N, C-alpha and C. Protein backbone atom coordinates (compact mmCIF):
# COMPACT_ATOMS: atom_id res chain seq x y z
N UNK A 1 -11.55 -20.11 63.26
CA UNK A 1 -10.41 -20.71 63.94
C UNK A 1 -9.59 -21.47 62.91
N UNK A 2 -8.27 -21.36 63.04
CA UNK A 2 -7.34 -22.10 62.19
C UNK A 2 -6.61 -23.10 63.09
N UNK A 3 -6.47 -24.33 62.59
CA UNK A 3 -5.79 -25.38 63.35
C UNK A 3 -4.66 -25.94 62.51
N UNK A 4 -3.48 -26.02 63.13
CA UNK A 4 -2.32 -26.64 62.51
C UNK A 4 -1.95 -27.85 63.35
N UNK A 5 -1.75 -29.00 62.70
CA UNK A 5 -1.38 -30.21 63.43
C UNK A 5 -0.16 -30.85 62.80
N UNK A 6 0.71 -31.32 63.66
CA UNK A 6 1.87 -32.10 63.22
C UNK A 6 2.17 -33.10 64.32
N UNK A 7 1.98 -34.38 64.01
CA UNK A 7 2.19 -35.40 65.02
C UNK A 7 1.27 -35.17 66.20
N UNK A 8 1.84 -35.10 67.39
CA UNK A 8 1.03 -34.90 68.60
C UNK A 8 0.84 -33.43 68.94
N UNK A 9 1.42 -32.55 68.13
CA UNK A 9 1.33 -31.11 68.38
C UNK A 9 0.17 -30.51 67.58
N UNK A 10 -0.61 -29.68 68.26
CA UNK A 10 -1.72 -28.96 67.62
C UNK A 10 -1.65 -27.50 68.06
N UNK A 11 -1.76 -26.62 67.09
CA UNK A 11 -1.79 -25.18 67.36
C UNK A 11 -3.12 -24.64 66.86
N UNK A 12 -3.81 -23.89 67.71
CA UNK A 12 -5.04 -23.24 67.29
C UNK A 12 -4.84 -21.73 67.32
N UNK A 13 -5.34 -21.08 66.29
CA UNK A 13 -5.34 -19.62 66.20
C UNK A 13 -6.78 -19.18 66.08
N UNK A 14 -7.14 -18.15 66.81
CA UNK A 14 -8.50 -17.65 66.78
C UNK A 14 -8.46 -16.13 66.89
N UNK A 15 -9.29 -15.48 66.09
CA UNK A 15 -9.37 -14.02 66.12
C UNK A 15 -9.66 -13.52 67.53
N UNK A 16 -8.96 -12.48 67.93
CA UNK A 16 -9.21 -11.83 69.21
C UNK A 16 -9.78 -10.43 68.99
N UNK A 17 -8.99 -9.55 68.32
CA UNK A 17 -9.47 -8.19 68.06
C UNK A 17 -8.53 -7.49 67.08
N UNK A 18 -8.97 -6.34 66.56
CA UNK A 18 -8.15 -5.47 65.72
C UNK A 18 -7.73 -4.25 66.53
N UNK A 19 -6.52 -3.78 66.25
CA UNK A 19 -6.05 -2.54 66.87
C UNK A 19 -4.95 -1.96 66.00
N UNK A 20 -5.12 -0.72 65.59
CA UNK A 20 -4.12 -0.01 64.79
C UNK A 20 -3.64 -0.82 63.59
N UNK A 21 -4.59 -1.25 62.79
CA UNK A 21 -4.32 -2.00 61.56
C UNK A 21 -3.60 -3.32 61.78
N UNK A 22 -3.74 -3.89 62.94
CA UNK A 22 -3.17 -5.20 63.25
C UNK A 22 -4.29 -6.10 63.75
N UNK A 23 -4.21 -7.36 63.37
CA UNK A 23 -5.15 -8.34 63.88
C UNK A 23 -4.46 -9.10 65.01
N UNK A 24 -5.14 -9.23 66.12
CA UNK A 24 -4.60 -9.95 67.27
C UNK A 24 -5.29 -11.29 67.37
N UNK A 25 -4.50 -12.32 67.59
CA UNK A 25 -4.99 -13.68 67.63
C UNK A 25 -4.73 -14.32 68.98
N UNK A 26 -5.67 -15.13 69.41
CA UNK A 26 -5.46 -16.01 70.57
C UNK A 26 -4.83 -17.28 70.03
N UNK A 27 -3.93 -17.86 70.79
CA UNK A 27 -3.31 -19.10 70.35
C UNK A 27 -3.19 -20.07 71.52
N UNK A 28 -3.18 -21.34 71.15
CA UNK A 28 -2.90 -22.40 72.12
C UNK A 28 -2.05 -23.43 71.40
N UNK A 29 -0.96 -23.86 72.04
CA UNK A 29 -0.14 -24.95 71.54
C UNK A 29 -0.34 -26.12 72.49
N UNK A 30 -0.83 -27.21 71.93
CA UNK A 30 -1.05 -28.44 72.69
C UNK A 30 -0.02 -29.47 72.24
N UNK A 31 0.38 -30.34 73.14
CA UNK A 31 1.15 -31.53 72.79
C UNK A 31 0.52 -32.67 73.57
N UNK A 32 0.08 -33.69 72.86
CA UNK A 32 -0.67 -34.79 73.49
C UNK A 32 -1.84 -34.26 74.31
N UNK A 33 -2.53 -33.26 73.78
CA UNK A 33 -3.69 -32.62 74.42
C UNK A 33 -3.35 -31.86 75.70
N UNK A 34 -2.09 -31.74 76.06
CA UNK A 34 -1.67 -30.89 77.18
C UNK A 34 -1.38 -29.50 76.65
N UNK A 35 -1.89 -28.49 77.32
CA UNK A 35 -1.59 -27.12 76.93
C UNK A 35 -0.17 -26.80 77.37
N UNK A 36 0.65 -26.41 76.40
CA UNK A 36 2.03 -26.04 76.68
C UNK A 36 2.15 -24.51 76.72
N UNK A 37 1.61 -23.85 75.71
CA UNK A 37 1.62 -22.39 75.63
C UNK A 37 0.23 -21.90 75.25
N UNK A 38 -0.13 -20.73 75.75
CA UNK A 38 -1.34 -20.07 75.30
C UNK A 38 -1.20 -18.57 75.52
N UNK A 39 -1.88 -17.82 74.70
CA UNK A 39 -1.84 -16.37 74.84
C UNK A 39 -2.82 -15.71 73.91
N UNK A 40 -2.89 -14.40 73.97
CA UNK A 40 -3.78 -13.65 73.08
C UNK A 40 -3.08 -12.45 72.48
N UNK A 41 -1.74 -12.49 72.48
CA UNK A 41 -0.99 -11.32 72.02
C UNK A 41 -0.32 -11.49 70.67
N UNK A 42 -0.64 -12.55 69.93
CA UNK A 42 -0.05 -12.73 68.61
C UNK A 42 -0.69 -11.72 67.67
N UNK A 43 0.12 -10.83 67.10
CA UNK A 43 -0.46 -9.84 66.18
C UNK A 43 0.15 -9.99 64.81
N UNK A 44 -0.70 -9.76 63.83
CA UNK A 44 -0.31 -9.94 62.43
C UNK A 44 -0.85 -8.77 61.63
N UNK A 45 -0.25 -8.52 60.45
CA UNK A 45 -0.84 -7.51 59.56
C UNK A 45 -2.24 -7.99 59.13
N UNK A 46 -3.08 -7.08 58.71
CA UNK A 46 -4.44 -7.43 58.34
C UNK A 46 -4.48 -8.44 57.20
N UNK A 47 -3.55 -8.38 56.29
CA UNK A 47 -3.54 -9.30 55.14
C UNK A 47 -2.63 -10.50 55.41
N UNK A 48 -2.77 -11.11 56.56
CA UNK A 48 -1.90 -12.22 56.93
C UNK A 48 -2.37 -13.54 56.32
N UNK A 49 -1.47 -14.47 56.29
CA UNK A 49 -1.73 -15.83 55.85
C UNK A 49 -1.70 -16.68 57.12
N UNK A 50 -2.70 -17.55 57.33
CA UNK A 50 -2.76 -18.34 58.56
C UNK A 50 -1.51 -19.18 58.78
N UNK A 51 -1.01 -19.81 57.72
CA UNK A 51 0.18 -20.65 57.87
C UNK A 51 1.40 -19.81 58.23
N UNK A 52 1.51 -18.62 57.64
CA UNK A 52 2.62 -17.73 58.01
C UNK A 52 2.52 -17.35 59.49
N UNK A 53 1.30 -17.12 59.97
CA UNK A 53 1.11 -16.78 61.38
C UNK A 53 1.53 -17.93 62.29
N UNK A 54 1.15 -19.16 61.92
CA UNK A 54 1.54 -20.33 62.72
C UNK A 54 3.05 -20.48 62.74
N UNK A 55 3.69 -20.35 61.60
CA UNK A 55 5.14 -20.52 61.54
C UNK A 55 5.86 -19.42 62.32
N UNK A 56 5.34 -18.19 62.26
CA UNK A 56 5.94 -17.10 63.04
C UNK A 56 5.79 -17.39 64.53
N UNK A 57 4.62 -17.83 64.94
CA UNK A 57 4.39 -18.17 66.34
C UNK A 57 5.33 -19.29 66.78
N UNK A 58 5.40 -20.34 65.99
CA UNK A 58 6.25 -21.48 66.35
C UNK A 58 7.72 -21.10 66.39
N UNK A 59 8.12 -20.15 65.57
CA UNK A 59 9.53 -19.74 65.59
C UNK A 59 9.90 -19.13 66.95
N UNK A 60 8.93 -18.52 67.63
CA UNK A 60 9.17 -18.00 68.98
C UNK A 60 9.00 -19.08 70.04
N UNK A 61 7.98 -19.90 69.88
CA UNK A 61 7.69 -20.90 70.91
C UNK A 61 8.68 -22.06 70.94
N UNK A 62 9.47 -22.20 69.89
CA UNK A 62 10.47 -23.28 69.87
C UNK A 62 11.89 -22.77 70.12
N UNK A 63 12.01 -21.49 70.46
CA UNK A 63 13.34 -20.98 70.82
C UNK A 63 13.88 -21.75 72.02
N UNK A 64 15.18 -21.96 72.02
CA UNK A 64 15.84 -22.68 73.10
C UNK A 64 16.91 -21.79 73.73
N UNK A 65 17.29 -22.12 74.97
CA UNK A 65 18.40 -21.37 75.57
C UNK A 65 19.61 -21.39 74.63
N UNK A 66 20.21 -20.25 74.47
CA UNK A 66 21.32 -20.10 73.53
C UNK A 66 20.87 -19.44 72.24
N UNK A 67 19.57 -19.54 71.91
CA UNK A 67 19.05 -18.89 70.71
C UNK A 67 18.83 -17.40 70.94
N UNK A 68 18.59 -17.03 72.18
CA UNK A 68 18.33 -15.64 72.54
C UNK A 68 18.74 -15.44 74.00
N UNK A 69 18.60 -14.24 74.48
CA UNK A 69 18.96 -13.89 75.86
C UNK A 69 18.22 -14.78 76.86
N UNK A 70 18.89 -15.19 77.91
CA UNK A 70 18.30 -16.05 78.92
C UNK A 70 17.09 -15.45 79.62
N UNK A 71 16.99 -14.12 79.64
CA UNK A 71 15.83 -13.46 80.24
C UNK A 71 14.53 -13.85 79.54
N UNK A 72 14.63 -14.20 78.26
CA UNK A 72 13.45 -14.58 77.47
C UNK A 72 12.68 -15.72 78.14
N UNK A 73 13.39 -16.62 78.80
CA UNK A 73 12.79 -17.83 79.38
C UNK A 73 12.44 -17.69 80.86
N UNK A 74 12.63 -16.50 81.40
CA UNK A 74 12.45 -16.28 82.84
C UNK A 74 11.05 -16.67 83.34
N UNK A 75 10.02 -16.40 82.54
CA UNK A 75 8.64 -16.69 82.97
C UNK A 75 8.15 -18.07 82.52
N UNK A 76 9.01 -18.84 81.87
CA UNK A 76 8.60 -20.17 81.40
C UNK A 76 8.38 -21.10 82.59
N UNK A 77 7.39 -21.96 82.46
CA UNK A 77 7.15 -22.98 83.48
C UNK A 77 8.11 -24.15 83.25
N UNK A 78 8.29 -25.02 84.24
CA UNK A 78 9.11 -26.21 84.01
C UNK A 78 8.61 -27.05 82.83
N UNK A 79 7.30 -27.13 82.67
CA UNK A 79 6.71 -27.89 81.56
C UNK A 79 7.11 -27.27 80.21
N UNK A 80 7.09 -25.95 80.13
CA UNK A 80 7.47 -25.26 78.89
C UNK A 80 8.96 -25.44 78.61
N UNK A 81 9.77 -25.33 79.64
CA UNK A 81 11.22 -25.51 79.46
C UNK A 81 11.54 -26.92 79.00
N UNK A 82 10.84 -27.89 79.54
CA UNK A 82 11.04 -29.28 79.11
C UNK A 82 10.60 -29.45 77.66
N UNK A 83 9.47 -28.84 77.30
CA UNK A 83 8.94 -29.01 75.95
C UNK A 83 9.87 -28.41 74.91
N UNK A 84 10.44 -27.23 75.15
CA UNK A 84 11.29 -26.60 74.13
C UNK A 84 12.54 -27.41 73.85
N UNK A 85 12.89 -28.31 74.76
CA UNK A 85 14.04 -29.20 74.55
C UNK A 85 13.62 -30.55 73.97
N UNK A 86 12.33 -30.74 73.73
CA UNK A 86 11.82 -32.04 73.28
C UNK A 86 12.08 -32.29 71.80
N UNK A 87 11.94 -33.55 71.41
CA UNK A 87 12.05 -33.92 70.00
C UNK A 87 10.96 -33.24 69.17
N UNK A 88 9.76 -33.08 69.73
CA UNK A 88 8.68 -32.43 68.99
C UNK A 88 9.01 -30.99 68.67
N UNK A 89 9.57 -30.26 69.62
CA UNK A 89 9.97 -28.88 69.37
C UNK A 89 11.07 -28.83 68.32
N UNK A 90 12.02 -29.74 68.41
CA UNK A 90 13.11 -29.77 67.44
C UNK A 90 12.58 -30.07 66.03
N UNK A 91 11.66 -31.00 65.92
CA UNK A 91 11.09 -31.32 64.62
C UNK A 91 10.35 -30.10 64.04
N UNK A 92 9.65 -29.37 64.88
CA UNK A 92 8.97 -28.16 64.42
C UNK A 92 9.96 -27.12 63.95
N UNK A 93 11.11 -27.05 64.59
CA UNK A 93 12.14 -26.11 64.15
C UNK A 93 12.58 -26.43 62.72
N UNK A 94 12.71 -27.71 62.38
CA UNK A 94 13.06 -28.11 61.01
C UNK A 94 11.95 -27.74 60.03
N UNK A 95 10.70 -27.93 60.45
CA UNK A 95 9.56 -27.59 59.60
C UNK A 95 9.53 -26.09 59.32
N UNK A 96 9.77 -25.29 60.34
CA UNK A 96 9.81 -23.83 60.17
C UNK A 96 10.90 -23.45 59.19
N UNK A 97 12.08 -24.04 59.35
CA UNK A 97 13.21 -23.77 58.45
C UNK A 97 12.84 -24.11 57.01
N UNK A 98 12.27 -25.29 56.81
CA UNK A 98 11.87 -25.70 55.46
C UNK A 98 10.79 -24.78 54.89
N UNK A 99 9.83 -24.43 55.71
CA UNK A 99 8.75 -23.54 55.26
C UNK A 99 9.31 -22.20 54.80
N UNK A 100 10.16 -21.62 55.62
CA UNK A 100 10.74 -20.31 55.27
C UNK A 100 11.59 -20.38 54.01
N UNK A 101 12.35 -21.45 53.86
CA UNK A 101 13.22 -21.57 52.69
C UNK A 101 12.48 -21.94 51.42
N UNK A 102 11.29 -22.50 51.51
CA UNK A 102 10.53 -22.88 50.33
C UNK A 102 9.49 -21.85 49.93
N UNK A 103 9.35 -20.77 50.69
CA UNK A 103 8.39 -19.71 50.37
C UNK A 103 8.85 -18.88 49.17
N UNK A 104 10.12 -18.85 48.92
CA UNK A 104 10.67 -17.95 47.91
C UNK A 104 10.43 -18.44 46.54
């Protein structure tokens, strides 16, 4: 299991299974120990880097209305919609931006 923490946000990644040269991971995003998002469909190439996987996941989980088609948020719960507009989600967006720009 890989754990990423920033402030009150914690993301856990755990191996789920392999399929067609892809590794599938289970993930949970907590904020103040409340589960905000969870799933088991995060897939990565076999030679993935855990931090790259976390940043890729967060880049999707921190999307806000206006960043993509409104249909993307159709299945979001009120708690998830509130969280993506939170200061914590915004701070993670800055971290993702910095991470991507400093990888080069």
